[in-house]
Amino acid sequence: MLVLSRKKGQSIMIGSDIEISIVDIQGDQIRLGIEAPRNITIHRKEVFEEIIKENKQAASVEVNPELIKSIKIKGIENKKSE
């Protein structure tokens, strides 16, 4: 892990297109400003970990093949009746 010291108003660059700035320091809290391309997702770590956890749970759900078949048939029937 790279550890850097920065003061309020200073920044670090990650690659050539991500800038992290120290916006404010109050007590033991630091406010960061992050400039990055729109295709880069940015989350607080605890939020990111929750997203990963929920994605794993969703991916592990067993799906009943008969239920899927029934849903497809109902969808086809609904299109025919329109």
PDB file of N, CA and C in Angstrom:
ATOM      1  N   MET A   1       0.848  -1.176   0.000  1.00  0.00           N
ATOM      2  CA  MET A   1       0.000   0.000   0.000  1.00  0.00           C
ATOM      3  C   MET A   1       0.895   1.241   0.000  1.00  0.00           C
ATOM      4  N   LEU A   2       0.602   2.154  -0.867  1.00  0.00           N
ATOM      5  CA  LEU A   2       1.308   3.431  -0.911  1.00  0.00           C
ATOM      6  C   LEU A   2       0.624   4.375   0.072  1.00  0.00           C
ATOM      7  N   VAL A   3       1.383   4.993   0.955  1.00  0.00           N
ATOM      8  CA  VAL A   3       0.837   5.941   1.928  1.00  0.00           C
ATOM      9  C   VAL A   3       1.442   7.307   1.629  1.00  0.00           C
ATOM     10  N   LEU A   4       0.577   8.308   1.427  1.00  0.00           N
ATOM     11  CA  LEU A   4       1.021   9.664   1.111  1.00  0.00           C
ATOM     12  C   LEU A   4       0.469  10.644   2.135  1.00  0.00           C
ATOM     13  N   SER A   5       1.198  11.707   2.379  1.00  0.00           N
ATOM     14  CA  SER A   5       0.710  12.803   3.221  1.00  0.00           C
ATOM     15  C   SER A   5       0.271  13.935   2.304  1.00  0.00           C
ATOM     16  N   ARG A   6      -0.876  14.500   2.553  1.00  0.00           N
ATOM     17  CA  ARG A   6      -1.402  15.614   1.773  1.00  0.00           C
ATOM     18  C   ARG A   6      -2.030  16.615   2.731  1.00  0.00           C
ATOM     19  N   LYS A   7      -2.067  17.859   2.320  1.00  0.00           N
ATOM     20  CA  LYS A   7      -2.702  18.921   3.094  1.00  0.00           C
ATOM     21  C   LYS A   7      -3.957  19.375   2.361  1.00  0.00           C
ATOM     22  N   LYS A   8      -4.802  20.112   3.075  1.00  0.00           N
ATOM     23  CA  LYS A   8      -6.018  20.660   2.472  1.00  0.00           C
ATOM     24  C   LYS A   8      -5.652  21.428   1.199  1.00  0.00           C
ATOM     25  N   GLY A   9      -6.392  21.137   0.125  1.00  0.00           N
ATOM     26  CA  GLY A   9      -6.160  21.792  -1.156  1.00  0.00           C
ATOM     27  C   GLY A   9      -5.187  21.050  -2.058  1.00  0.00           C
ATOM     28  N   GLN A  10      -4.505  20.037  -1.525  1.00  0.00           N
ATOM     29  CA  GLN A  10      -3.575  19.261  -2.338  1.00  0.00           C
ATOM     30  C   GLN A  10      -4.278  18.045  -2.931  1.00  0.00           C
ATOM     31  N   SER A  11      -3.655  17.446  -3.944  1.00  0.00           N
ATOM     32  CA  SER A  11      -4.264  16.327  -4.668  1.00  0.00           C
ATOM     33  C   SER A  11      -3.247  15.229  -4.915  1.00  0.00           C
ATOM     34  N   ILE A  12      -3.771  14.085  -5.329  1.00  0.00           N
ATOM     35  CA  ILE A  12      -2.948  13.017  -5.888  1.00  0.00           C
ATOM     36  C   ILE A  12      -3.607  12.594  -7.194  1.00  0.00           C
ATOM     37  N   MET A  13      -2.798  12.070  -8.089  1.00  0.00           N
ATOM     38  CA  MET A  13      -3.304  11.583  -9.373  1.00  0.00           C
ATOM     39  C   MET A  13      -3.165  10.072  -9.416  1.00  0.00           C
ATOM     40  N   ILE A  14      -4.184   9.401  -9.945  1.00  0.00           N
ATOM     41  CA  ILE A  14      -4.130   7.967 -10.213  1.00  0.00           C
ATOM     42  C   ILE A  14      -4.233   7.838 -11.726  1.00  0.00           C
ATOM     43  N   GLY A  15      -3.161   7.375 -12.329  1.00  0.00           N
ATOM     44  CA  GLY A  15      -3.114   7.384 -13.786  1.00  0.00           C
ATOM     45  C   GLY A  15      -3.140   8.829 -14.258  1.00  0.00           C
ATOM     46  N   SER A  16      -3.645   9.044 -15.451  1.00  0.00           N
ATOM     47  CA  SER A  16      -3.688  10.408 -15.986  1.00  0.00           C
ATOM     48  C   SER A  16      -5.076  11.024 -15.929  1.00  0.00           C
ATOM     49  N   ASP A  17      -6.071  10.255 -15.438  1.00  0.00           N
ATOM     50  CA  ASP A  17      -7.435  10.787 -15.500  1.00  0.00           C
ATOM     51  C   ASP A  17      -8.232  10.686 -14.201  1.00  0.00           C
ATOM     52  N   ILE A  18      -7.593  10.325 -13.088  1.00  0.00           N
ATOM     53  CA  ILE A  18      -8.298  10.292 -11.803  1.00  0.00           C
ATOM     54  C   ILE A  18      -7.533  11.177 -10.826  1.00  0.00           C
ATOM     55  N   GLU A  19      -8.226  12.183 -10.292  1.00  0.00           N
ATOM     56  CA  GLU A  19      -7.621  13.097  -9.328  1.00  0.00           C
ATOM     57  C   GLU A  19      -8.400  13.032  -8.022  1.00  0.00           C
ATOM     58  N   ILE A  20      -7.675  12.847  -6.921  1.00  0.00           N
ATOM     59  CA  ILE A  20      -8.283  12.830  -5.594  1.00  0.00           C
ATOM     60  C   ILE A  20      -7.731  14.029  -4.835  1.00  0.00           C
ATOM     61  N   SER A  21      -8.635  14.928  -4.421  1.00  0.00           N
ATOM     62  CA  SER A  21      -8.243  16.162  -3.745  1.00  0.00           C
ATOM     63  C   SER A  21      -8.694  16.139  -2.292  1.00  0.00           C
ATOM     64  N   ILE A  22      -7.885  16.746  -1.426  1.00  0.00           N
ATOM     65  CA  ILE A  22      -8.278  16.939  -0.036  1.00  0.00           C
ATOM     66  C   ILE A  22      -9.067  18.248  -0.008  1.00  0.00           C
ATOM     67  N   VAL A  23     -10.369  18.153   0.208  1.00  0.00           N
ATOM     68  CA  VAL A  23     -11.249  19.315   0.168  1.00  0.00           C
ATOM     69  C   VAL A  23     -11.311  19.988   1.532  1.00  0.00           C
ATOM     70  N   ASP A  24     -11.394  19.191   2.603  1.00  0.00           N
ATOM     71  CA  ASP A  24     -11.541  19.755   3.942  1.00  0.00           C
ATOM     72  C   ASP A  24     -11.053  18.747   4.974  1.00  0.00           C
ATOM     73  N   ILE A  25     -10.566  19.262   6.084  1.00  0.00           N
ATOM     74  CA  ILE A  25     -10.150  18.423   7.207  1.00  0.00           C
ATOM     75  C   ILE A  25     -10.773  19.017   8.462  1.00  0.00           C
ATOM     76  N   GLN A  26     -11.570  18.206   9.167  1.00  0.00           N
ATOM     77  CA  GLN A  26     -12.184  18.649  10.420  1.00  0.00           C
ATOM     78  C   GLN A  26     -12.034  17.537  11.443  1.00  0.00           C
ATOM     79  N   GLY A  27     -11.181  17.754  12.424  1.00  0.00           N
ATOM     80  CA  GLY A  27     -10.948  16.727  13.433  1.00  0.00           C
ATOM     81  C   GLY A  27     -10.379  15.479  12.791  1.00  0.00           C
ATOM     82  N   ASP A  28     -11.080  14.358  13.010  1.00  0.00           N
ATOM     83  CA  ASP A  28     -10.596  13.088  12.444  1.00  0.00           C
ATOM     84  C   ASP A  28     -11.279  12.734  11.130  1.00  0.00           C
ATOM     85  N   GLN A  29     -11.962  13.701  10.517  1.00  0.00           N
ATOM     86  CA  GLN A  29     -12.624  13.449   9.232  1.00  0.00           C
ATOM     87  C   GLN A  29     -11.975  14.265   8.120  1.00  0.00           C
ATOM     88  N   ILE A  30     -11.873  13.624   6.973  1.00  0.00           N
ATOM     89  CA  ILE A  30     -11.313  14.261   5.782  1.00  0.00           C
ATOM     90  C   ILE A  30     -12.369  14.208   4.688  1.00  0.00           C
ATOM     91  N   ARG A  31     -12.598  15.316   4.015  1.00  0.00           N
ATOM     92  CA  ARG A  31     -13.511  15.327   2.861  1.00  0.00           C
ATOM     93  C   ARG A  31     -12.658  15.251   1.609  1.00  0.00           C
ATOM     94  N   LEU A  32     -12.984  14.272   0.777  1.00  0.00           N
ATOM     95  CA  LEU A  32     -12.255  14.064  -0.471  1.00  0.00           C
ATOM     96  C   LEU A  32     -13.101  14.501  -1.654  1.00  0.00           C
ATOM     97  N   GLY A  33     -12.462  15.052  -2.649  1.00  0.00           N
ATOM     98  CA  GLY A  33     -13.094  15.309  -3.932  1.00  0.00           C
ATOM     99  C   GLY A  33     -12.458  14.379  -4.949  1.00  0.00           C
ATOM    100  N   ILE A  34     -13.281  13.733  -5.747  1.00  0.00           N
ATOM    101  CA  ILE A  34     -12.757  12.769  -6.717  1.00  0.00           C
ATOM    102  C   ILE A  34     -13.231  13.158  -8.106  1.00  0.00           C
ATOM    103  N   GLU A  35     -12.279  13.374  -8.998  1.00  0.00           N
ATOM    104  CA  GLU A  35     -12.603  13.619 -10.404  1.00  0.00           C
ATOM    105  C   GLU A  35     -12.139  12.406 -11.185  1.00  0.00           C
ATOM    106  N   ALA A  36     -13.088  11.774 -11.875  1.00  0.00           N
ATOM    107  CA  ALA A  36     -12.786  10.562 -12.640  1.00  0.00           C
ATOM    108  C   ALA A  36     -13.730  10.479 -13.831  1.00  0.00           C
ATOM    109  N   PRO A  37     -13.345   9.730 -14.852  1.00  0.00           N
ATOM    110  CA  PRO A  37     -14.248   9.532 -15.991  1.00  0.00           C
ATOM    111  C   PRO A  37     -15.567   8.899 -15.530  1.00  0.00           C
ATOM    112  N   ARG A  38     -16.632   9.175 -16.255  1.00  0.00           N
ATOM    113  CA  ARG A  38     -17.960   8.656 -15.893  1.00  0.00           C
ATOM    114  C   ARG A  38     -18.018   7.135 -15.872  1.00  0.00           C
ATOM    115  N   ASN A  39     -17.165   6.472 -16.635  1.00  0.00           N
ATOM    116  CA  ASN A  39     -17.225   5.011 -16.685  1.00  0.00           C
ATOM    117  C   ASN A  39     -16.544   4.353 -15.481  1.00  0.00           C
ATOM    118  N   ILE A  40     -15.960   5.142 -14.598  1.00  0.00           N
ATOM    119  CA  ILE A  40     -15.345   4.624 -13.376  1.00  0.00           C
ATOM    120  C   ILE A  40     -16.364   4.747 -12.250  1.00  0.00           C
ATOM    121  N   THR A  41     -16.722   3.615 -11.640  1.00  0.00           N
ATOM    122  CA  THR A  41     -17.646   3.668 -10.510  1.00  0.00           C
ATOM    123  C   THR A  41     -16.863   3.956  -9.239  1.00  0.00           C
ATOM    124  N   ILE A  42     -17.459   4.778  -8.378  1.00  0.00           N
ATOM    125  CA  ILE A  42     -16.815   5.161  -7.125  1.00  0.00           C
ATOM    126  C   ILE A  42     -17.809   4.908  -5.997  1.00  0.00           C
ATOM    127  N   HIS A  43     -17.389   4.113  -5.022  1.00  0.00           N
ATOM    128  CA  HIS A  43     -18.227   3.796  -3.862  1.00  0.00           C
ATOM    129  C   HIS A  43     -17.383   3.877  -2.603  1.00  0.00           C
ATOM    130  N   ARG A  44     -18.022   4.219  -1.488  1.00  0.00           N
ATOM    131  CA  ARG A  44     -17.354   4.019  -0.200  1.00  0.00           C
ATOM    132  C   ARG A  44     -17.159   2.522  -0.031  1.00  0.00           C
ATOM    133  N   LYS A  45     -16.102   2.106   0.650  1.00  0.00           N
ATOM    134  CA  LYS A  45     -15.776   0.685   0.739  1.00  0.00           C
ATOM    135  C   LYS A  45     -16.916  -0.123   1.342  1.00  0.00           C
ATOM    136  N   GLU A  46     -17.558   0.389   2.405  1.00  0.00           N
ATOM    137  CA  GLU A  46     -18.631  -0.381   3.040  1.00  0.00           C
ATOM    138  C   GLU A  46     -19.827  -0.566   2.106  1.00  0.00           C
ATOM    139  N   VAL A  47     -20.093   0.407   1.245  1.00  0.00           N
ATOM    140  CA  VAL A  47     -21.170   0.282   0.258  1.00  0.00           C
ATOM    141  C   VAL A  47     -20.769  -0.739  -0.806  1.00  0.00           C
ATOM    142  N   PHE A  48     -19.528  -0.665  -1.276  1.00  0.00           N
ATOM    143  CA  PHE A  48     -19.031  -1.601  -2.282  1.00  0.00           C
ATOM    144  C   PHE A  48     -19.105  -3.038  -1.774  1.00  0.00           C
ATOM    145  N   GLU A  49     -18.701  -3.258  -0.529  1.00  0.00           N
ATOM    146  CA  GLU A  49     -18.748  -4.612   0.043  1.00  0.00           C
ATOM    147  C   GLU A  49     -20.182  -5.127   0.119  1.00  0.00           C
ATOM    148  N   GLU A  50     -21.136  -4.257   0.425  1.00  0.00           N
ATOM    149  CA  GLU A  50     -22.547  -4.654   0.475  1.00  0.00           C
ATOM    150  C   GLU A  50     -23.056  -5.008  -0.924  1.00  0.00           C
ATOM    151  N   ILE A  51     -22.652  -4.250  -1.931  1.00  0.00           N
ATOM    152  CA  ILE A  51     -23.039  -4.545  -3.317  1.00  0.00           C
ATOM    153  C   ILE A  51     -22.515  -5.920  -3.717  1.00  0.00           C
ATOM    154  N   ILE A  52     -21.250  -6.203  -3.412  1.00  0.00           N
ATOM    155  CA  ILE A  52     -20.652  -7.504  -3.739  1.00  0.00           C
ATOM    156  C   ILE A  52     -21.411  -8.620  -3.033  1.00  0.00           C
ATOM    157  N   LYS A  53     -21.718  -8.425  -1.766  1.00  0.00           N
ATOM    158  CA  LYS A  53     -22.443  -9.437  -0.984  1.00  0.00           C
ATOM    159  C   LYS A  53     -23.814  -9.723  -1.601  1.00  0.00           C
ATOM    160  N   GLU A  54     -24.550  -8.670  -1.947  1.00  0.00           N
ATOM    161  CA  GLU A  54     -25.881  -8.855  -2.525  1.00  0.00           C
ATOM    162  C   GLU A  54     -25.810  -9.493  -3.908  1.00  0.00           C
ATOM    163  N   ASN A  55     -24.802  -9.138  -4.697  1.00  0.00           N
ATOM    164  CA  ASN A  55     -24.638  -9.759  -6.017  1.00  0.00           C
ATOM    165  C   ASN A  55     -24.359 -11.249  -5.888  1.00  0.00           C
ATOM    166  N   LYS A  56     -23.526 -11.626  -4.918  1.00  0.00           N
ATOM    167  CA  LYS A  56     -23.232 -13.046  -4.700  1.00  0.00           C
ATOM    168  C   LYS A  56     -24.493 -13.796  -4.283  1.00  0.00           C
ATOM    169  N   GLN A  57     -25.294 -13.177  -3.409  1.00  0.00           N
ATOM    170  CA  GLN A  57     -26.541 -13.819  -2.974  1.00  0.00           C
ATOM    171  C   GLN A  57     -27.490 -13.992  -4.152  1.00  0.00           C
ATOM    172  N   ALA A  58     -27.614 -12.974  -4.974  1.00  0.00           N
ATOM    173  CA  ALA A  58     -28.519 -13.047  -6.126  1.00  0.00           C
ATOM    174  C   ALA A  58     -28.057 -14.109  -7.116  1.00  0.00           C
ATOM    175  N   ALA A  59     -26.753 -14.245  -7.282  1.00  0.00           N
ATOM    176  CA  ALA A  59     -26.217 -15.222  -8.229  1.00  0.00           C
ATOM    177  C   ALA A  59     -26.358 -16.651  -7.725  1.00  0.00           C
ATOM    178  N   SER A  60     -26.507 -16.822  -6.426  1.00  0.00           N
ATOM    179  CA  SER A  60     -26.574 -18.177  -5.874  1.00  0.00           C
ATOM    180  C   SER A  60     -28.002 -18.686  -5.704  1.00  0.00           C
ATOM    181  N   VAL A  61     -28.981 -17.874  -6.042  1.00  0.00           N
ATOM    182  CA  VAL A  61     -30.378 -18.292  -5.922  1.00  0.00           C
ATOM    183  C   VAL A  61     -30.675 -19.375  -6.952  1.00  0.00           C
ATOM    184  N   GLU A  62     -31.279 -20.463  -6.490  1.00  0.00           N
ATOM    185  CA  GLU A  62     -31.653 -21.532  -7.419  1.00  0.00           C
ATOM    186  C   GLU A  62     -32.953 -21.156  -8.117  1.00  0.00           C
ATOM    187  N   VAL A  63     -32.981 -21.371  -9.402  1.00  0.00           N
ATOM    188  CA  VAL A  63     -34.156 -21.038 -10.200  1.00  0.00           C
ATOM    189  C   VAL A  63     -34.818 -22.335 -10.638  1.00  0.00           C
ATOM    190  N   ASN A  64     -36.116 -22.393 -10.467  1.00  0.00           N
ATOM    191  CA  ASN A  64     -36.897 -23.560 -10.847  1.00  0.00           C
ATOM    192  C   ASN A  64     -37.136 -23.517 -12.359  1.00  0.00           C
ATOM    193  N   PRO A  65     -36.610 -24.479 -13.120  1.00  0.00           N
ATOM    194  CA  PRO A  65     -36.783 -24.482 -14.579  1.00  0.00           C
ATOM    195  C   PRO A  65     -38.251 -24.514 -14.999  1.00  0.00           C
ATOM    196  N   GLU A  66     -39.089 -25.201 -14.235  1.00  0.00           N
ATOM    197  CA  GLU A  66     -40.520 -25.257 -14.562  1.00  0.00           C
ATOM    198  C   GLU A  66     -41.159 -23.877 -14.424  1.00  0.00           C
ATOM    199  N   LEU A  67     -40.725 -23.122 -13.431  1.00  0.00           N
ATOM    200  CA  LEU A  67     -41.253 -21.772 -13.241  1.00  0.00           C
ATOM    201  C   LEU A  67     -40.873 -20.886 -14.426  1.00  0.00           C
ATOM    202  N   ILE A  68     -39.633 -20.979 -14.876  1.00  0.00           N
ATOM    203  CA  ILE A  68     -39.192 -20.196 -16.039  1.00  0.00           C
ATOM    204  C   ILE A  68     -40.005 -20.570 -17.268  1.00  0.00           C
ATOM    205  N   LYS A  69     -40.218 -21.856 -17.482  1.00  0.00           N
ATOM    206  CA  LYS A  69     -41.001 -22.322 -18.628  1.00  0.00           C
ATOM    207  C   LYS A  69     -42.417 -21.763 -18.553  1.00  0.00           C
ATOM    208  N   SER A  70     -43.003 -21.802 -17.363  1.00  0.00           N
ATOM    209  CA  SER A  70     -44.360 -21.294 -17.163  1.00  0.00           C
ATOM    210  C   SER A  70     -44.433 -19.794 -17.455  1.00  0.00           C
ATOM    211  N   ILE A  71     -43.435 -19.059 -16.999  1.00  0.00           N
ATOM    212  CA  ILE A  71     -43.408 -17.614 -17.236  1.00  0.00           C
ATOM    213  C   ILE A  71     -43.292 -17.327 -18.729  1.00  0.00           C
ATOM    214  N   LYS A  72     -42.449 -18.072 -19.430  1.00  0.00           N
ATOM    215  CA  LYS A  72     -42.294 -17.879 -20.877  1.00  0.00           C
ATOM    216  C   LYS A  72     -43.605 -18.160 -21.595  1.00  0.00           C
ATOM    217  N   ILE A  73     -44.283 -19.235 -21.214  1.00  0.00           N
ATOM    218  CA  ILE A  73     -45.558 -19.590 -21.848  1.00  0.00           C
ATOM    219  C   ILE A  73     -46.587 -18.497 -21.595  1.00  0.00           C
ATOM    220  N   LYS A  74     -46.664 -18.008 -20.360  1.00  0.00           N
ATOM    221  CA  LYS A  74     -47.617 -16.937 -20.031  1.00  0.00           C
ATOM    222  C   LYS A  74     -47.297 -15.684 -20.840  1.00  0.00           C
ATOM    223  N   GLY A  75     -46.008 -15.375 -21.003  1.00  0.00           N
ATOM    224  CA  GLY A  75     -45.611 -14.209 -21.786  1.00  0.00           C
ATOM    225  C   GLY A  75     -46.040 -14.341 -23.230  1.00  0.00           C
ATOM    226  N   ILE A  76     -45.885 -15.529 -23.803  1.00  0.00           N
ATOM    227  CA  ILE A  76     -46.301 -15.781 -25.186  1.00  0.00           C
ATOM    228  C   ILE A  76     -47.811 -15.658 -25.304  1.00  0.00           C
ATOM    229  N   GLU A  77     -48.543 -16.216 -24.325  1.00  0.00           N
ATOM    230  CA  GLU A  77     -50.006 -16.137 -24.349  1.00  0.00           C
ATOM    231  C   GLU A  77     -50.476 -14.694 -24.250  1.00  0.00           C
ATOM    232  N   ASN A  78     -49.813 -13.894 -23.421  1.00  0.00           N
ATOM    233  CA  ASN A  78     -50.193 -12.488 -23.275  1.00  0.00           C
ATOM    234  C   ASN A  78     -49.955 -11.714 -24.564  1.00  0.00           C
ATOM    235  N   LYS A  79     -48.880 -12.003 -25.278  1.00  0.00           N
ATOM    236  CA  LYS A  79     -48.603 -11.322 -26.545  1.00  0.00           C
ATOM    237  C   LYS A  79     -49.659 -11.676 -27.586  1.00  0.00           C
ATOM    238  N   LYS A  80     -50.109 -12.951 -27.596  1.00  0.00           N
ATOM    239  CA  LYS A  80     -51.112 -13.388 -28.566  1.00  0.00           C
ATOM    240  C   LYS A  80     -52.446 -12.712 -28.313  1.00  0.00           C
ATOM    241  N   SER A  81     -52.775 -12.462 -27.037  1.00  0.00           N
ATOM    242  CA  SER A  81     -54.082 -11.884 -26.715  1.00  0.00           C
ATOM    243  C   SER A  81     -54.115 -10.376 -26.929  1.00  0.00           C
ATOM    244  N   GLU A  82     -52.973  -9.757 -27.169  1.00  0.00           N
ATOM    245  CA  GLU A  82     -52.948  -8.290 -27.363  1.00  0.00           C
ATOM    246  C   GLU A  82     -53.368  -7.882 -28.721  1.00  0.00           C
TER     247      GLU A  82
END
